[in-house]
Amino acid sequence: MNFGHLLHEAFSGYEPIATLEAIAAQRTAEVRGAEPNVENLLPPTVDAAAGMGLDVVEATEYYKTSRGEKPPNGATRSLVSRRAAGYGWDAFTHAEVLLTQPLCVVVGDKPGAFGSYRDGLEIYRRARSETKQLVVAEGWSHYDLYDKPEPVGQALDALIPFYDKNL
């Protein structure tokens, strides 16, 4: 997934300018002595995530349970004042020119609001690579591909021969 897209889309409520203004205000407040604002990027529990969309529920299920939790400083909290740089970042910049290496992209076909499915299709389309393969794990989501045996098996069935041939 393209984290820059995630920041200026879903993580900003699709209001990147207002969010950047809030980040700037927080940064200014911190320079003047205010406490840093550490924001939880996900609800505290799976129950609290109910009804918030596929990606929020599944990310919470992964990162806020023993399945993927990395306490005490896992990837579910962020200093608000340090996020601005990511809003202008695009992981796919110049892919049409610079991404010439063999590329195998694996996506689940259950798209969520964080854009993983869309981003996977986009980098596959944009990459200059002459050798590329798109693998769509049907019936599975981005977070299923982290550790669930069946979709991981589908991914590995494509990735292992791809790597054997191209590494």
C-alpha atoms as a PDB file:
ATOM      1  CA  MET A   1       0.000   0.000   0.000  1.00  0.00           C
ATOM      2  CA  ASN A   2       1.071   3.557  -0.576  1.00  0.00           C
ATOM      3  CA  PHE A   3       1.264   5.091   2.905  1.00  0.00           C
ATOM      4  CA  GLY A   4       1.160   8.640   1.509  1.00  0.00           C
ATOM      5  CA  HIS A   5      -2.230   7.883  -0.047  1.00  0.00           C
ATOM      6  CA  LEU A   6      -3.452   6.469   3.253  1.00  0.00           C
ATOM      7  CA  LEU A   7      -2.407   9.586   5.150  1.00  0.00           C
ATOM      8  CA  HIS A   8      -3.969  12.174   2.880  1.00  0.00           C
ATOM      9  CA  GLU A   9      -7.062  10.093   2.192  1.00  0.00           C
ATOM     10  CA  ALA A  10      -8.510   7.816   4.892  1.00  0.00           C
ATOM     11  CA  PHE A  11      -6.355   8.978   7.821  1.00  0.00           C
ATOM     12  CA  SER A  12      -7.299  12.593   7.160  1.00  0.00           C
ATOM     13  CA  GLY A  13     -10.985  11.851   6.653  1.00  0.00           C
ATOM     14  CA  TYR A  14     -10.387  12.956   3.051  1.00  0.00           C
ATOM     15  CA  GLU A  15      -9.707  16.456   4.378  1.00  0.00           C
ATOM     16  CA  PRO A  16      -5.919  16.765   3.920  1.00  0.00           C
ATOM     17  CA  ILE A  17      -5.748  20.566   4.107  1.00  0.00           C
ATOM     18  CA  ALA A  18      -7.689  20.741   7.368  1.00  0.00           C
ATOM     19  CA  THR A  19      -5.566  17.905   8.741  1.00  0.00           C
ATOM     20  CA  LEU A  20      -2.319  19.617   7.732  1.00  0.00           C
ATOM     21  CA  GLU A  21      -3.534  22.798   9.407  1.00  0.00           C
ATOM     22  CA  ALA A  22      -4.222  20.838  12.614  1.00  0.00           C
ATOM     23  CA  ILE A  23      -0.770  19.241  12.401  1.00  0.00           C
ATOM     24  CA  ALA A  24       0.813  22.685  11.994  1.00  0.00           C
ATOM     25  CA  ALA A  25      -1.119  24.024  14.990  1.00  0.00           C
ATOM     26  CA  GLN A  26       0.007  21.059  17.102  1.00  0.00           C
ATOM     27  CA  ARG A  27       3.618  21.504  15.994  1.00  0.00           C
ATOM     28  CA  THR A  28       3.474  25.209  16.901  1.00  0.00           C
ATOM     29  CA  ALA A  29       1.933  24.373  20.289  1.00  0.00           C
ATOM     30  CA  GLU A  30       4.701  21.863  21.006  1.00  0.00           C
ATOM     31  CA  VAL A  31       7.396  24.390  20.118  1.00  0.00           C
ATOM     32  CA  ARG A  32       5.756  26.695  22.663  1.00  0.00           C
ATOM     33  CA  GLY A  33       5.879  24.009  25.356  1.00  0.00           C
ATOM     34  CA  ALA A  34       2.691  21.969  24.927  1.00  0.00           C
ATOM     35  CA  GLU A  35       2.749  18.229  25.444  1.00  0.00           C
ATOM     36  CA  PRO A  36       3.045  16.121  22.284  1.00  0.00           C
ATOM     37  CA  ASN A  37      -0.269  14.763  21.021  1.00  0.00           C
ATOM     38  CA  VAL A  38       0.028  11.019  20.563  1.00  0.00           C
ATOM     39  CA  GLU A  39      -2.944   9.782  18.568  1.00  0.00           C
ATOM     40  CA  ASN A  40      -4.148   6.217  18.414  1.00  0.00           C
ATOM     41  CA  LEU A  41      -4.611   5.333  14.767  1.00  0.00           C
ATOM     42  CA  LEU A  42      -7.008   2.497  15.558  1.00  0.00           C
ATOM     43  CA  PRO A  43      -9.770   1.884  18.091  1.00  0.00           C
ATOM     44  CA  PRO A  44      -8.615   0.161  21.287  1.00  0.00           C
ATOM     45  CA  THR A  45     -10.563  -3.069  20.673  1.00  0.00           C
ATOM     46  CA  VAL A  46     -12.231  -5.015  17.894  1.00  0.00           C
ATOM     47  CA  ASP A  47     -15.621  -4.356  19.504  1.00  0.00           C
ATOM     48  CA  ALA A  48     -14.939  -0.599  19.422  1.00  0.00           C
ATOM     49  CA  ALA A  49     -14.065  -0.898  15.704  1.00  0.00           C
ATOM     50  CA  ALA A  50     -17.410  -2.511  14.818  1.00  0.00           C
ATOM     51  CA  GLY A  51     -19.193  -0.621  12.058  1.00  0.00           C
ATOM     52  CA  MET A  52     -16.113   1.438  11.123  1.00  0.00           C
ATOM     53  CA  GLY A  53     -15.431  -0.362   7.841  1.00  0.00           C
ATOM     54  CA  LEU A  54     -13.504  -3.431   6.747  1.00  0.00           C
ATOM     55  CA  ASP A  55      -9.993  -1.995   7.031  1.00  0.00           C
ATOM     56  CA  VAL A  56     -10.474  -0.422  10.464  1.00  0.00           C
ATOM     57  CA  VAL A  57     -12.044  -3.603  11.848  1.00  0.00           C
ATOM     58  CA  GLU A  58      -9.417  -5.896  10.334  1.00  0.00           C
ATOM     59  CA  ALA A  59      -6.476  -3.636  11.190  1.00  0.00           C
ATOM     60  CA  THR A  60      -7.726  -3.473  14.773  1.00  0.00           C
ATOM     61  CA  GLU A  61      -8.191  -7.239  14.818  1.00  0.00           C
ATOM     62  CA  TYR A  62      -4.587  -7.655  13.699  1.00  0.00           C
ATOM     63  CA  TYR A  63      -2.701  -4.871  15.501  1.00  0.00           C
ATOM     64  CA  LYS A  64      -4.718  -4.746  18.745  1.00  0.00           C
ATOM     65  CA  THR A  65      -4.817  -8.475  19.510  1.00  0.00           C
ATOM     66  CA  SER A  66      -2.194 -11.121  20.104  1.00  0.00           C
ATOM     67  CA  ARG A  67      -2.373 -11.876  16.371  1.00  0.00           C
ATOM     68  CA  GLY A  68      -0.115  -8.931  15.521  1.00  0.00           C
ATOM     69  CA  GLU A  69       0.209  -6.668  18.544  1.00  0.00           C
ATOM     70  CA  LYS A  70       3.701  -5.316  19.203  1.00  0.00           C
ATOM     71  CA  PRO A  71       3.503  -3.590  22.589  1.00  0.00           C
ATOM     72  CA  PRO A  72       4.446  -1.203  23.970  1.00  0.00           C
ATOM     73  CA  ASN A  73       5.324   0.858  20.893  1.00  0.00           C
ATOM     74  CA  GLY A  74       3.581  -0.879  18.023  1.00  0.00           C
ATOM     75  CA  ALA A  75       2.490   0.733  14.790  1.00  0.00           C
ATOM     76  CA  THR A  76      -0.862   1.940  16.096  1.00  0.00           C
ATOM     77  CA  ARG A  77       0.122   5.304  17.585  1.00  0.00           C
ATOM     78  CA  SER A  78       1.560   8.416  16.000  1.00  0.00           C
ATOM     79  CA  LEU A  79       2.799  11.831  17.066  1.00  0.00           C
ATOM     80  CA  VAL A  80       0.398  14.188  15.319  1.00  0.00           C
ATOM     81  CA  SER A  81       3.062  16.865  14.908  1.00  0.00           C
ATOM     82  CA  ARG A  82       5.351  14.501  12.973  1.00  0.00           C
ATOM     83  CA  ARG A  83       2.914  13.370  10.285  1.00  0.00           C
ATOM     84  CA  ALA A  84       3.054  16.270   7.830  1.00  0.00           C
ATOM     85  CA  ALA A  85       5.933  14.930   5.733  1.00  0.00           C
ATOM     86  CA  GLY A  86       3.956  11.825   4.863  1.00  0.00           C
ATOM     87  CA  TYR A  87       1.130  13.843   3.307  1.00  0.00           C
ATOM     88  CA  GLY A  88       3.296  14.818   0.362  1.00  0.00           C
ATOM     89  CA  TRP A  89       5.016  11.463   0.048  1.00  0.00           C
ATOM     90  CA  ASP A  90       4.117   9.098  -2.769  1.00  0.00           C
ATOM     91  CA  ALA A  91       5.692   5.645  -2.671  1.00  0.00           C
ATOM     92  CA  PHE A  92       4.995   5.284  -6.391  1.00  0.00           C
ATOM     93  CA  THR A  93       6.763   8.434  -7.584  1.00  0.00           C
ATOM     94  CA  HIS A  94       8.507   7.802 -10.905  1.00  0.00           C
ATOM     95  CA  ALA A  95       7.494   4.125 -11.001  1.00  0.00           C
ATOM     96  CA  GLU A  96       6.975   4.506 -14.759  1.00  0.00           C
ATOM     97  CA  VAL A  97      10.672   5.318 -15.119  1.00  0.00           C
ATOM     98  CA  LEU A  98      12.526   3.796 -12.174  1.00  0.00           C
ATOM     99  CA  LEU A  99      10.696   0.585 -11.262  1.00  0.00           C
ATOM    100  CA  THR A 100      12.368  -1.700 -13.781  1.00  0.00           C
ATOM    101  CA  GLN A 101      12.997  -4.730 -11.565  1.00  0.00           C
ATOM    102  CA  PRO A 102      10.774  -7.798 -11.822  1.00  0.00           C
ATOM    103  CA  LEU A 103       7.614  -7.149  -9.827  1.00  0.00           C
ATOM    104  CA  CYS A 104       5.047  -9.485  -8.322  1.00  0.00           C
ATOM    105  CA  VAL A 105       2.095  -7.714  -6.683  1.00  0.00           C
ATOM    106  CA  VAL A 106      -0.286  -9.633  -4.434  1.00  0.00           C
ATOM    107  CA  VAL A 107      -3.652  -8.146  -3.447  1.00  0.00           C
ATOM    108  CA  GLY A 108      -6.786  -9.431  -1.807  1.00  0.00           C
ATOM    109  CA  ASP A 109      -9.903  -8.727  -3.844  1.00  0.00           C
ATOM    110  CA  LYS A 110     -11.894  -7.371  -0.862  1.00  0.00           C
ATOM    111  CA  PRO A 111     -11.115  -3.654  -1.093  1.00  0.00           C
ATOM    112  CA  GLY A 112     -11.247  -1.521   2.016  1.00  0.00           C
ATOM    113  CA  ALA A 113     -11.050   2.197   2.683  1.00  0.00           C
ATOM    114  CA  PHE A 114      -7.270   2.236   3.190  1.00  0.00           C
ATOM    115  CA  GLY A 115      -6.619   1.669  -0.530  1.00  0.00           C
ATOM    116  CA  SER A 116      -4.452  -1.464  -0.557  1.00  0.00           C
ATOM    117  CA  TYR A 117      -6.354  -3.091  -3.413  1.00  0.00           C
ATOM    118  CA  ARG A 118      -6.358   0.077  -5.490  1.00  0.00           C
ATOM    119  CA  ASP A 119      -2.695   0.770  -4.738  1.00  0.00           C
ATOM    120  CA  GLY A 120      -1.701  -2.764  -5.722  1.00  0.00           C
ATOM    121  CA  LEU A 121      -3.423  -2.417  -9.078  1.00  0.00           C
ATOM    122  CA  GLU A 122      -1.936   1.052  -9.550  1.00  0.00           C
ATOM    123  CA  ILE A 123       1.684   0.052  -8.951  1.00  0.00           C
ATOM    124  CA  TYR A 124       1.250  -2.972 -11.190  1.00  0.00           C
ATOM    125  CA  ARG A 125      -0.104  -0.755 -13.971  1.00  0.00           C
ATOM    126  CA  ARG A 126       2.446   2.033 -13.542  1.00  0.00           C
ATOM    127  CA  ALA A 127       5.618  -0.001 -13.065  1.00  0.00           C
ATOM    128  CA  ARG A 128       8.017   0.057 -15.976  1.00  0.00           C
ATOM    129  CA  SER A 129       9.004  -3.533 -15.221  1.00  0.00           C
ATOM    130  CA  GLU A 130       8.934  -5.777 -18.245  1.00  0.00           C
ATOM    131  CA  THR A 131       8.517  -8.789 -15.999  1.00  0.00           C
ATOM    132  CA  LYS A 132       5.550  -8.361 -13.726  1.00  0.00           C
ATOM    133  CA  GLN A 133       2.758 -10.444 -12.337  1.00  0.00           C
ATOM    134  CA  LEU A 134      -0.456  -9.549 -10.548  1.00  0.00           C
ATOM    135  CA  VAL A 135      -1.869 -12.081  -8.095  1.00  0.00           C
ATOM    136  CA  VAL A 136      -5.402 -11.529  -6.822  1.00  0.00           C
ATOM    137  CA  ALA A 137      -6.337 -13.612  -3.780  1.00  0.00           C
ATOM    138  CA  GLU A 138     -10.068 -13.961  -4.364  1.00  0.00           C
ATOM    139  CA  GLY A 139     -12.273 -13.674  -1.317  1.00  0.00           C
ATOM    140  CA  TRP A 140      -9.521 -12.266   0.894  1.00  0.00           C
ATOM    141  CA  SER A 141      -8.558  -8.852   2.207  1.00  0.00           C
ATOM    142  CA  HIS A 142      -5.280  -7.007   2.703  1.00  0.00           C
ATOM    143  CA  TYR A 143      -5.103  -8.045   6.363  1.00  0.00           C
ATOM    144  CA  ASP A 144      -5.961 -11.684   5.580  1.00  0.00           C
ATOM    145  CA  LEU A 145      -2.763 -11.764   3.532  1.00  0.00           C
ATOM    146  CA  TYR A 146      -0.691 -10.997   6.638  1.00  0.00           C
ATOM    147  CA  ASP A 147      -1.006 -14.381   8.294  1.00  0.00           C
ATOM    148  CA  LYS A 148      -4.039 -16.443   7.350  1.00  0.00           C
ATOM    149  CA  PRO A 149      -2.883 -19.765   5.876  1.00  0.00           C
ATOM    150  CA  GLU A 150      -5.126 -19.979   2.799  1.00  0.00           C
ATOM    151  CA  PRO A 151      -4.472 -16.538   1.270  1.00  0.00           C
ATOM    152  CA  VAL A 152      -0.809 -16.644   2.303  1.00  0.00           C
ATOM    153  CA  GLY A 153      -0.611 -20.017   0.557  1.00  0.00           C
ATOM    154  CA  GLN A 154      -2.115 -18.503  -2.596  1.00  0.00           C
ATOM    155  CA  ALA A 155       0.440 -15.709  -2.462  1.00  0.00           C
ATOM    156  CA  LEU A 156       3.343 -18.093  -1.908  1.00  0.00           C
ATOM    157  CA  ASP A 157       2.169 -20.339  -4.758  1.00  0.00           C
ATOM    158  CA  ALA A 158       2.828 -17.374  -7.056  1.00  0.00           C
ATOM    159  CA  LEU A 159       5.753 -15.722  -5.247  1.00  0.00           C
ATOM    160  CA  ILE A 160       8.041 -18.739  -4.868  1.00  0.00           C
ATOM    161  CA  PRO A 161       8.191 -19.571  -8.593  1.00  0.00           C
ATOM    162  CA  PHE A 162       8.388 -15.856  -9.413  1.00  0.00           C
ATOM    163  CA  TYR A 163      11.391 -15.430  -7.101  1.00  0.00           C
ATOM    164  CA  ASP A 164      12.984 -18.685  -8.299  1.00  0.00           C
ATOM    165  CA  LYS A 165      12.851 -17.356 -11.841  1.00  0.00           C
ATOM    166  CA  ASN A 166      13.705 -13.695 -11.224  1.00  0.00           C
ATOM    167  CA  LEU A 167      16.121 -13.505  -8.297  1.00  0.00           C
END
